[in-house]
N, C-alpha and C. Protein backbone atom coordinates (compact mmCIF):
# COMPACT_ATOMS: atom_id res chain seq x y z
N MET A 1 184.01 86.20 73.18
CA MET A 1 183.97 87.64 73.35
C MET A 1 184.83 88.02 74.56
N ARG A 2 185.27 89.28 74.58
CA ARG A 2 186.12 89.78 75.66
C ARG A 2 185.42 90.93 76.37
N PHE A 3 185.34 90.80 77.68
CA PHE A 3 184.69 91.82 78.50
C PHE A 3 185.63 92.24 79.63
N ALA A 4 185.34 93.41 80.20
CA ALA A 4 186.16 93.88 81.32
C ALA A 4 185.31 94.68 82.30
N TYR A 5 185.77 94.68 83.55
CA TYR A 5 185.17 95.50 84.60
C TYR A 5 186.29 96.24 85.31
N ALA A 6 186.10 97.53 85.50
CA ALA A 6 187.07 98.35 86.23
C ALA A 6 186.36 99.01 87.40
N ASP A 7 186.87 98.75 88.58
CA ASP A 7 186.37 99.39 89.81
C ASP A 7 187.58 100.06 90.47
N PRO A 8 188.08 101.14 89.82
CA PRO A 8 189.30 101.77 90.33
C PRO A 8 188.99 102.64 91.55
N PRO A 9 190.04 103.11 92.23
CA PRO A 9 189.79 104.13 93.24
C PRO A 9 189.06 105.30 92.56
N TYR A 10 188.04 105.79 93.20
CA TYR A 10 187.26 106.87 92.60
C TYR A 10 188.08 108.16 92.58
N ILE A 11 187.71 109.06 91.70
CA ILE A 11 188.45 110.31 91.52
C ILE A 11 188.63 111.00 92.88
N GLY A 12 189.88 111.32 93.18
CA GLY A 12 190.20 112.01 94.42
C GLY A 12 190.31 111.12 95.65
N GLN A 13 190.18 109.80 95.51
CA GLN A 13 190.15 108.89 96.66
C GLN A 13 191.33 107.93 96.75
N ALA A 14 192.19 107.88 95.73
CA ALA A 14 193.26 106.87 95.69
C ALA A 14 194.23 107.00 96.87
N LYS A 15 194.68 108.20 97.13
CA LYS A 15 195.64 108.39 98.22
C LYS A 15 194.97 108.18 99.58
N LYS A 16 193.78 108.73 99.73
CA LYS A 16 193.06 108.65 101.01
C LYS A 16 192.80 107.21 101.44
N HIS A 17 192.30 106.40 100.53
CA HIS A 17 191.88 105.03 100.90
C HIS A 17 192.93 103.95 100.64
N TYR A 18 193.83 104.20 99.67
CA TYR A 18 194.74 103.14 99.27
C TYR A 18 196.22 103.54 99.33
N GLY A 19 196.50 104.82 99.66
CA GLY A 19 197.88 105.29 99.68
C GLY A 19 198.52 105.22 98.31
N ASP A 20 197.73 105.36 97.26
CA ASP A 20 198.18 105.19 95.89
C ASP A 20 198.02 106.51 95.14
N GLU A 21 198.67 106.60 93.96
CA GLU A 21 198.49 107.80 93.15
C GLU A 21 197.17 107.72 92.40
N GLU A 22 196.70 108.89 91.98
CA GLU A 22 195.41 108.95 91.29
C GLU A 22 195.43 108.16 89.99
N VAL A 23 194.30 107.60 89.66
CA VAL A 23 194.12 106.87 88.41
C VAL A 23 193.90 107.89 87.29
N ASN A 24 194.55 107.67 86.17
CA ASN A 24 194.30 108.49 84.99
C ASN A 24 193.09 107.86 84.30
N HIS A 25 191.91 108.41 84.57
CA HIS A 25 190.68 107.82 84.06
C HIS A 25 190.57 107.92 82.54
N GLN A 26 191.16 108.95 81.94
CA GLN A 26 191.12 109.02 80.48
C GLN A 26 191.87 107.85 79.86
N HIS A 27 193.05 107.54 80.40
CA HIS A 27 193.79 106.39 79.88
C HIS A 27 193.07 105.08 80.16
N LEU A 28 192.45 104.99 81.33
CA LEU A 28 191.70 103.78 81.66
C LEU A 28 190.54 103.57 80.69
N ILE A 29 189.78 104.62 80.44
CA ILE A 29 188.63 104.51 79.53
C ILE A 29 189.10 104.22 78.10
N ASP A 30 190.19 104.87 77.67
CA ASP A 30 190.74 104.58 76.34
C ASP A 30 191.15 103.12 76.23
N TYR A 31 191.77 102.60 77.30
CA TYR A 31 192.19 101.19 77.31
C TYR A 31 190.97 100.27 77.23
N LEU A 32 189.96 100.55 78.04
CA LEU A 32 188.75 99.73 78.01
C LEU A 32 188.13 99.72 76.61
N ALA A 33 188.01 100.90 76.01
CA ALA A 33 187.38 101.02 74.70
C ALA A 33 188.18 100.32 73.61
N SER A 34 189.51 100.38 73.70
CA SER A 34 190.32 99.77 72.63
C SER A 34 190.51 98.27 72.81
N GLU A 35 190.66 97.82 74.04
CA GLU A 35 190.97 96.41 74.28
C GLU A 35 189.74 95.53 74.51
N PHE A 36 188.61 96.15 74.83
CA PHE A 36 187.40 95.37 75.14
C PHE A 36 186.20 95.93 74.37
N PRO A 37 186.28 95.93 73.04
CA PRO A 37 185.18 96.50 72.24
C PRO A 37 183.87 95.73 72.38
N ASP A 38 183.93 94.49 72.87
CA ASP A 38 182.69 93.72 73.06
C ASP A 38 181.86 94.26 74.22
N GLY A 39 182.54 94.82 75.23
CA GLY A 39 181.81 95.39 76.34
C GLY A 39 182.65 95.55 77.58
N TRP A 40 182.33 96.58 78.35
CA TRP A 40 183.02 96.85 79.60
C TRP A 40 182.12 97.66 80.53
N ALA A 41 182.49 97.63 81.80
CA ALA A 41 181.77 98.40 82.82
C ALA A 41 182.79 99.10 83.70
N LEU A 42 182.44 100.31 84.15
CA LEU A 42 183.32 101.12 84.98
C LEU A 42 182.50 101.69 86.14
N SER A 43 182.87 101.32 87.37
CA SER A 43 182.20 101.87 88.55
C SER A 43 182.69 103.28 88.80
N ALA A 44 181.79 104.11 89.32
CA ALA A 44 182.11 105.52 89.53
C ALA A 44 181.30 106.05 90.73
N THR A 45 181.35 107.35 90.91
CA THR A 45 180.50 108.02 91.90
C THR A 45 179.62 109.01 91.16
N SER A 46 178.52 109.36 91.77
CA SER A 46 177.61 110.31 91.11
C SER A 46 178.28 111.65 90.86
N VAL A 47 179.15 112.10 91.76
CA VAL A 47 179.80 113.40 91.58
C VAL A 47 180.91 113.35 90.53
N SER A 48 181.37 112.16 90.14
CA SER A 48 182.43 112.06 89.13
C SER A 48 181.87 111.97 87.71
N LEU A 49 180.58 111.77 87.55
CA LEU A 49 180.01 111.62 86.21
C LEU A 49 180.29 112.80 85.27
N PRO A 50 180.19 114.06 85.74
CA PRO A 50 180.49 115.16 84.81
C PRO A 50 181.92 115.12 84.27
N ALA A 51 182.86 114.61 85.03
CA ALA A 51 184.24 114.49 84.56
C ALA A 51 184.42 113.27 83.67
N LEU A 52 183.78 112.16 84.00
CA LEU A 52 184.01 110.90 83.29
C LEU A 52 183.26 110.80 81.95
N LEU A 53 182.04 111.25 81.89
CA LEU A 53 181.24 111.03 80.68
C LEU A 53 181.84 111.64 79.42
N PRO A 54 182.44 112.84 79.47
CA PRO A 54 183.07 113.35 78.24
C PRO A 54 184.26 112.50 77.77
N MET A 55 184.82 111.68 78.64
CA MET A 55 185.94 110.81 78.27
C MET A 55 185.46 109.54 77.58
N CYS A 56 184.18 109.24 77.68
CA CYS A 56 183.63 107.96 77.21
C CYS A 56 183.24 108.02 75.74
N PRO A 57 183.29 106.86 75.08
CA PRO A 57 182.80 106.81 73.69
C PRO A 57 181.28 106.99 73.66
N GLU A 58 180.79 107.34 72.50
CA GLU A 58 179.34 107.45 72.33
C GLU A 58 178.67 106.12 72.61
N GLY A 59 177.46 106.19 73.11
CA GLY A 59 176.67 104.98 73.30
C GLY A 59 176.77 104.35 74.68
N VAL A 60 177.56 104.93 75.60
CA VAL A 60 177.60 104.35 76.94
C VAL A 60 176.26 104.58 77.63
N ARG A 61 175.99 103.72 78.59
CA ARG A 61 174.78 103.87 79.40
C ARG A 61 175.19 103.98 80.85
N ILE A 62 174.38 104.67 81.62
CA ILE A 62 174.59 104.79 83.05
C ILE A 62 173.63 103.83 83.73
N MET A 63 174.19 102.85 84.42
CA MET A 63 173.41 101.92 85.22
C MET A 63 173.53 102.37 86.68
N ALA A 64 172.73 101.79 87.56
CA ALA A 64 172.75 102.22 88.96
C ALA A 64 172.77 101.04 89.92
N TRP A 65 173.66 101.14 90.87
CA TRP A 65 173.63 100.25 92.04
C TRP A 65 173.00 101.07 93.15
N VAL A 66 171.79 100.70 93.52
CA VAL A 66 171.04 101.40 94.56
C VAL A 66 171.26 100.66 95.87
N LYS A 67 171.58 101.42 96.92
CA LYS A 67 171.95 100.84 98.21
C LYS A 67 170.87 101.11 99.26
N PRO A 68 170.00 100.13 99.53
CA PRO A 68 168.98 100.33 100.58
C PRO A 68 169.61 100.64 101.94
N PHE A 69 170.74 99.98 102.21
CA PHE A 69 171.51 100.30 103.41
C PHE A 69 172.84 100.87 102.94
N ALA A 70 173.12 102.10 103.33
CA ALA A 70 174.36 102.77 102.97
C ALA A 70 174.89 103.49 104.21
N ILE A 71 176.12 103.91 104.13
CA ILE A 71 176.72 104.66 105.23
C ILE A 71 176.23 106.10 105.13
N PHE A 72 175.62 106.59 106.21
CA PHE A 72 175.16 107.97 106.25
C PHE A 72 176.21 108.80 106.97
N LYS A 73 176.72 109.82 106.28
CA LYS A 73 177.78 110.66 106.83
C LYS A 73 177.17 111.92 107.44
N PRO A 74 177.75 112.38 108.55
CA PRO A 74 177.24 113.60 109.17
C PRO A 74 177.28 114.78 108.18
N ASN A 75 176.24 115.57 108.20
CA ASN A 75 176.14 116.79 107.38
C ASN A 75 176.11 116.52 105.88
N VAL A 76 175.84 115.28 105.46
CA VAL A 76 175.67 114.97 104.04
C VAL A 76 174.22 114.55 103.85
N ASN A 77 173.43 115.46 103.30
CA ASN A 77 172.01 115.21 103.13
C ASN A 77 171.55 115.95 101.87
N PRO A 78 171.10 115.25 100.84
CA PRO A 78 170.76 113.83 100.79
C PRO A 78 172.01 112.94 100.79
N ALA A 79 171.80 111.73 101.25
CA ALA A 79 172.88 110.75 101.35
C ALA A 79 173.29 110.24 99.98
N TYR A 80 174.52 109.77 99.89
CA TYR A 80 174.99 109.07 98.69
C TYR A 80 174.58 107.61 98.84
N ALA A 81 173.46 107.25 98.25
CA ALA A 81 172.90 105.91 98.42
C ALA A 81 172.77 105.17 97.09
N TRP A 82 173.54 105.60 96.09
CA TRP A 82 173.60 104.87 94.83
C TRP A 82 174.96 105.12 94.20
N GLU A 83 175.38 104.21 93.33
CA GLU A 83 176.61 104.38 92.57
C GLU A 83 176.32 104.12 91.10
N PRO A 84 176.81 105.02 90.25
CA PRO A 84 176.66 104.77 88.82
C PRO A 84 177.68 103.75 88.33
N VAL A 85 177.28 103.00 87.33
CA VAL A 85 178.18 102.10 86.62
C VAL A 85 178.04 102.46 85.14
N ILE A 86 179.13 102.91 84.55
CA ILE A 86 179.13 103.25 83.13
C ILE A 86 179.35 101.95 82.36
N VAL A 87 178.45 101.67 81.43
CA VAL A 87 178.53 100.42 80.66
C VAL A 87 178.60 100.75 79.17
N CYS A 88 179.50 100.07 78.50
CA CYS A 88 179.63 100.22 77.05
C CYS A 88 179.52 98.83 76.42
N GLY A 89 178.63 98.70 75.49
CA GLY A 89 178.51 97.43 74.75
C GLY A 89 177.86 96.34 75.56
N GLY A 90 178.31 95.13 75.30
CA GLY A 90 177.71 93.93 75.88
C GLY A 90 177.15 93.08 74.75
N ARG A 91 177.02 91.81 75.01
CA ARG A 91 176.49 90.88 74.01
C ARG A 91 175.02 91.22 73.74
N LYS A 92 174.64 91.16 72.49
CA LYS A 92 173.24 91.40 72.10
C LYS A 92 172.37 90.24 72.57
N ARG A 93 171.14 90.58 72.92
CA ARG A 93 170.18 89.57 73.38
C ARG A 93 169.02 89.48 72.40
N GLY A 94 168.50 88.28 72.29
CA GLY A 94 167.28 88.09 71.52
C GLY A 94 166.07 88.32 72.41
N ARG A 95 164.91 88.32 71.81
CA ARG A 95 163.68 88.55 72.58
C ARG A 95 163.35 87.37 73.50
N ASP A 96 164.02 86.24 73.25
CA ASP A 96 163.77 85.05 74.06
C ASP A 96 164.56 85.08 75.38
N ILE A 97 165.40 86.11 75.57
CA ILE A 97 166.22 86.24 76.78
C ILE A 97 165.55 87.23 77.73
N ASP A 98 165.53 86.89 79.01
CA ASP A 98 164.94 87.80 80.00
C ASP A 98 165.62 89.17 79.96
N THR A 99 164.83 90.20 80.14
CA THR A 99 165.34 91.57 80.16
C THR A 99 166.02 91.85 81.49
N VAL A 100 167.20 92.43 81.42
CA VAL A 100 167.96 92.80 82.61
C VAL A 100 167.69 94.27 82.91
N ARG A 101 167.44 94.57 84.17
CA ARG A 101 167.22 95.96 84.56
C ARG A 101 168.53 96.75 84.49
N ASP A 102 168.39 98.07 84.35
CA ASP A 102 169.57 98.93 84.34
C ASP A 102 169.93 99.40 85.74
N TRP A 103 169.47 98.69 86.72
CA TRP A 103 169.80 98.96 88.12
C TRP A 103 169.75 97.67 88.92
N VAL A 104 170.46 97.69 90.04
CA VAL A 104 170.40 96.60 90.99
C VAL A 104 170.29 97.23 92.37
N SER A 105 169.56 96.59 93.24
CA SER A 105 169.39 97.09 94.60
C SER A 105 169.91 96.04 95.57
N CYS A 106 170.96 96.41 96.29
CA CYS A 106 171.51 95.53 97.32
C CYS A 106 172.36 96.35 98.28
N ASN A 107 172.47 95.84 99.48
CA ASN A 107 173.21 96.55 100.52
C ASN A 107 174.71 96.55 100.25
N ILE A 108 175.41 97.50 100.86
CA ILE A 108 176.86 97.56 100.78
C ILE A 108 177.47 96.41 101.56
N THR A 109 178.74 96.15 101.32
CA THR A 109 179.46 95.16 102.11
C THR A 109 180.12 95.87 103.28
N LEU A 110 180.33 95.13 104.34
CA LEU A 110 181.01 95.67 105.51
C LEU A 110 182.15 94.75 105.92
N LYS A 111 183.22 95.34 106.42
CA LYS A 111 184.35 94.58 107.01
C LYS A 111 184.92 93.53 106.05
N LYS A 112 185.20 93.95 104.83
CA LYS A 112 185.79 93.04 103.84
C LYS A 112 187.30 93.24 103.70
N GLY A 113 187.86 94.20 104.45
CA GLY A 113 189.30 94.43 104.40
C GLY A 113 189.73 95.48 103.40
N LEU A 114 188.85 95.86 102.48
CA LEU A 114 189.13 96.90 101.50
C LEU A 114 187.94 97.84 101.43
N VAL A 115 188.21 99.09 101.14
CA VAL A 115 187.13 100.06 100.93
C VAL A 115 186.49 99.80 99.57
N GLY A 116 185.18 99.80 99.50
CA GLY A 116 184.49 99.74 98.22
C GLY A 116 184.26 98.37 97.63
N VAL A 117 184.46 97.32 98.39
CA VAL A 117 184.22 95.97 97.86
C VAL A 117 182.75 95.83 97.47
N LYS A 118 182.53 95.39 96.25
CA LYS A 118 181.16 95.24 95.77
C LYS A 118 180.56 93.93 96.28
N PRO A 119 179.29 93.97 96.65
CA PRO A 119 178.63 92.74 97.09
C PRO A 119 178.43 91.77 95.92
N PRO A 120 178.29 90.48 96.22
CA PRO A 120 178.11 89.50 95.14
C PRO A 120 176.98 89.85 94.18
N ALA A 121 175.88 90.40 94.67
CA ALA A 121 174.75 90.71 93.78
C ALA A 121 175.12 91.73 92.72
N VAL A 122 176.01 92.68 93.03
CA VAL A 122 176.44 93.66 92.04
C VAL A 122 177.27 92.98 90.95
N ASN A 123 178.19 92.11 91.35
CA ASN A 123 179.02 91.41 90.38
C ASN A 123 178.18 90.49 89.48
N GLU A 124 177.23 89.79 90.07
CA GLU A 124 176.36 88.91 89.29
C GLU A 124 175.52 89.72 88.30
N TRP A 125 175.01 90.87 88.76
CA TRP A 125 174.23 91.76 87.89
C TRP A 125 175.07 92.26 86.72
N LEU A 126 176.34 92.64 86.98
CA LEU A 126 177.19 93.11 85.89
C LEU A 126 177.45 92.01 84.86
N LEU A 127 177.61 90.78 85.31
CA LEU A 127 177.75 89.67 84.36
C LEU A 127 176.50 89.54 83.50
N ASP A 128 175.32 89.79 84.10
CA ASP A 128 174.07 89.76 83.34
C ASP A 128 173.97 90.94 82.38
N VAL A 129 174.34 92.14 82.84
CA VAL A 129 174.27 93.35 82.01
C VAL A 129 175.12 93.17 80.75
N LEU A 130 176.34 92.67 80.92
CA LEU A 130 177.22 92.47 79.77
C LEU A 130 176.87 91.20 79.00
N TYR A 131 176.09 90.33 79.62
CA TYR A 131 175.65 89.05 79.06
C TYR A 131 176.86 88.16 78.76
N VAL A 132 177.70 87.99 79.77
CA VAL A 132 178.87 87.12 79.68
C VAL A 132 178.39 85.67 79.60
N GLN A 133 179.04 84.90 78.73
CA GLN A 133 178.67 83.50 78.52
C GLN A 133 179.90 82.60 78.60
N LYS A 134 179.64 81.30 78.70
CA LYS A 134 180.73 80.32 78.67
C LYS A 134 181.55 80.52 77.41
N GLY A 135 182.87 80.39 77.56
CA GLY A 135 183.77 80.56 76.43
C GLY A 135 184.31 81.98 76.29
N ASP A 136 183.75 82.94 77.03
CA ASP A 136 184.21 84.32 76.96
C ASP A 136 185.48 84.51 77.79
N GLU A 137 186.10 85.67 77.59
CA GLU A 137 187.21 86.12 78.42
C GLU A 137 186.73 87.33 79.21
N PHE A 138 187.19 87.43 80.45
CA PHE A 138 186.76 88.53 81.31
C PHE A 138 187.94 89.06 82.10
N ALA A 139 188.18 90.36 82.02
CA ALA A 139 189.27 90.99 82.77
C ALA A 139 188.68 91.84 83.88
N ASP A 140 189.06 91.51 85.10
CA ASP A 140 188.72 92.34 86.27
C ASP A 140 189.97 93.19 86.51
N LEU A 141 189.92 94.46 86.09
CA LEU A 141 191.11 95.29 86.06
C LEU A 141 191.57 95.78 87.43
N TYR A 142 190.70 95.76 88.41
CA TYR A 142 191.07 96.12 89.78
C TYR A 142 190.51 95.05 90.70
N PRO A 143 191.14 93.88 90.74
CA PRO A 143 190.53 92.75 91.44
C PRO A 143 190.41 92.91 92.96
N GLY A 144 191.26 93.68 93.59
CA GLY A 144 191.14 93.93 95.03
C GLY A 144 190.78 92.69 95.83
N SER A 145 189.50 92.57 96.16
CA SER A 145 189.00 91.45 96.98
C SER A 145 188.79 90.18 96.18
N GLU A 146 188.90 90.28 94.86
CA GLU A 146 188.65 89.18 93.94
C GLU A 146 187.19 88.74 93.93
N ALA A 147 186.30 89.65 94.33
CA ALA A 147 184.87 89.33 94.38
C ALA A 147 184.29 89.05 92.99
N MET A 148 184.75 89.79 91.97
CA MET A 148 184.25 89.53 90.61
C MET A 148 184.74 88.18 90.12
N GLY A 149 186.00 87.86 90.36
CA GLY A 149 186.52 86.55 89.98
C GLY A 149 185.75 85.43 90.66
N ASP A 150 185.39 85.65 91.93
CA ASP A 150 184.58 84.65 92.66
C ASP A 150 183.21 84.48 92.01
N ALA A 151 182.59 85.61 91.59
CA ALA A 151 181.27 85.53 90.95
C ALA A 151 181.36 84.77 89.63
N ILE A 152 182.43 85.01 88.88
CA ILE A 152 182.62 84.31 87.60
C ILE A 152 182.80 82.81 87.84
N THR A 153 183.65 82.46 88.80
CA THR A 153 183.89 81.05 89.11
C THR A 153 182.62 80.38 89.60
N GLU A 154 181.87 81.08 90.43
CA GLU A 154 180.61 80.53 90.96
C GLU A 154 179.63 80.22 89.82
N ARG A 155 179.55 81.13 88.87
CA ARG A 155 178.58 80.97 87.78
C ARG A 155 179.07 80.05 86.67
N PHE A 156 180.33 80.19 86.28
CA PHE A 156 180.81 79.51 85.08
C PHE A 156 181.87 78.45 85.33
N GLY A 157 182.36 78.31 86.55
CA GLY A 157 183.49 77.41 86.79
C GLY A 157 184.69 77.91 86.02
N SER A 158 185.30 77.04 85.25
CA SER A 158 186.47 77.45 84.45
C SER A 158 186.08 77.72 83.00
N ASP A 159 184.77 77.85 82.72
CA ASP A 159 184.31 78.04 81.35
C ASP A 159 184.40 79.48 80.86
N VAL A 160 184.78 80.42 81.75
CA VAL A 160 185.08 81.79 81.36
C VAL A 160 186.50 82.05 81.81
N GLU A 161 187.34 82.46 80.88
CA GLU A 161 188.74 82.73 81.23
C GLU A 161 188.85 84.10 81.88
N VAL A 162 189.36 84.12 83.10
CA VAL A 162 189.58 85.39 83.80
C VAL A 162 190.99 85.86 83.46
N LEU A 163 191.06 87.04 82.84
CA LEU A 163 192.34 87.59 82.41
C LEU A 163 192.96 88.38 83.56
N ASN A 164 194.23 88.17 83.80
CA ASN A 164 194.96 88.93 84.81
C ASN A 164 195.72 90.05 84.12
N VAL A 165 195.34 91.28 84.40
CA VAL A 165 195.96 92.44 83.78
C VAL A 165 196.49 93.34 84.89
N ASP A 166 197.77 93.69 84.83
CA ASP A 166 198.34 94.63 85.80
C ASP A 166 198.05 96.04 85.28
N ILE A 167 196.84 96.50 85.53
CA ILE A 167 196.37 97.75 84.93
C ILE A 167 197.17 98.96 85.41
N ARG A 168 197.61 98.97 86.66
CA ARG A 168 198.36 100.13 87.15
C ARG A 168 199.67 100.30 86.38
N THR A 169 200.39 99.21 86.18
CA THR A 169 201.64 99.28 85.41
C THR A 169 201.34 99.61 83.96
N LEU A 170 200.28 99.02 83.41
CA LEU A 170 199.92 99.26 82.03
C LEU A 170 199.58 100.73 81.80
N LEU A 171 198.78 101.32 82.70
CA LEU A 171 198.40 102.72 82.53
C LEU A 171 199.60 103.64 82.68
N LYS A 172 200.52 103.31 83.59
CA LYS A 172 201.73 104.12 83.73
C LYS A 172 202.55 104.06 82.45
N SER A 173 202.68 102.88 81.84
CA SER A 173 203.46 102.77 80.61
C SER A 173 202.75 103.49 79.47
N ARG A 174 201.42 103.44 79.43
CA ARG A 174 200.68 104.16 78.39
C ARG A 174 200.85 105.67 78.56
N LEU A 175 200.86 106.14 79.82
CA LEU A 175 201.07 107.55 80.08
C LEU A 175 202.47 107.95 79.62
N ALA A 176 203.46 107.11 79.92
CA ALA A 176 204.83 107.38 79.49
C ALA A 176 204.91 107.42 77.97
N ASP A 177 204.24 106.48 77.30
CA ASP A 177 204.22 106.46 75.83
C ASP A 177 203.59 107.73 75.27
N ALA A 178 202.50 108.18 75.90
CA ALA A 178 201.81 109.39 75.44
C ALA A 178 202.71 110.62 75.60
N VAL A 179 203.45 110.69 76.71
CA VAL A 179 204.36 111.81 76.93
C VAL A 179 205.48 111.77 75.90
N LEU A 180 206.06 110.59 75.68
CA LEU A 180 207.13 110.47 74.68
C LEU A 180 206.63 110.82 73.28
N GLU A 181 205.42 110.40 72.98
CA GLU A 181 204.83 110.70 71.66
C GLU A 181 204.67 112.21 71.50
N LYS A 182 204.23 112.88 72.56
CA LYS A 182 204.05 114.34 72.51
C LYS A 182 205.40 115.03 72.32
N VAL A 183 206.43 114.55 73.02
CA VAL A 183 207.78 115.12 72.89
C VAL A 183 208.28 114.94 71.45
N ASP A 184 208.05 113.76 70.86
CA ASP A 184 208.46 113.51 69.48
C ASP A 184 207.75 114.43 68.51
N ASP A 185 206.46 114.72 68.80
CA ASP A 185 205.69 115.61 67.91
C ASP A 185 206.17 117.05 67.98
N ASP A 186 206.69 117.44 69.14
CA ASP A 186 207.18 118.83 69.31
C ASP A 186 208.52 118.95 68.68
């Protein structure tokens, strides 16, 4: 089976944190849905859900990463102490398999060199949510710190193939194709 995880710069944050252009989330979600029908997960923010959910296929679920320790910003009350993870699909489980919660509780990471690096417990939980197994393929579309790749290697060794996808170039080419297609239709 083929699975993917996308932890892109959140809406409105690409330039601020990474000096990069904004991610076209519609193209990203379309790519996830078409290329990874077995299952995928997309990290987001609570304020981005109204924009993202209409872009998603039917049947997605909202999971939660709850942060007992989070950064408290001045004049922001209530605090942003959880992050949604949009999940589509995943391997089916029998009744003989332990039930996975739709949330995980763990502290944020600090001083990892990148903004938004997920702690190991989040990556391990996502592997459980999607029910990734030996012999599967897994694409970490925004590897950044390579924390997800580390979690896969820790759990499966080389028994899960980690796919390297240059998602930024791919999405730009898909956007170009969509523009050209629209021009051809006109």
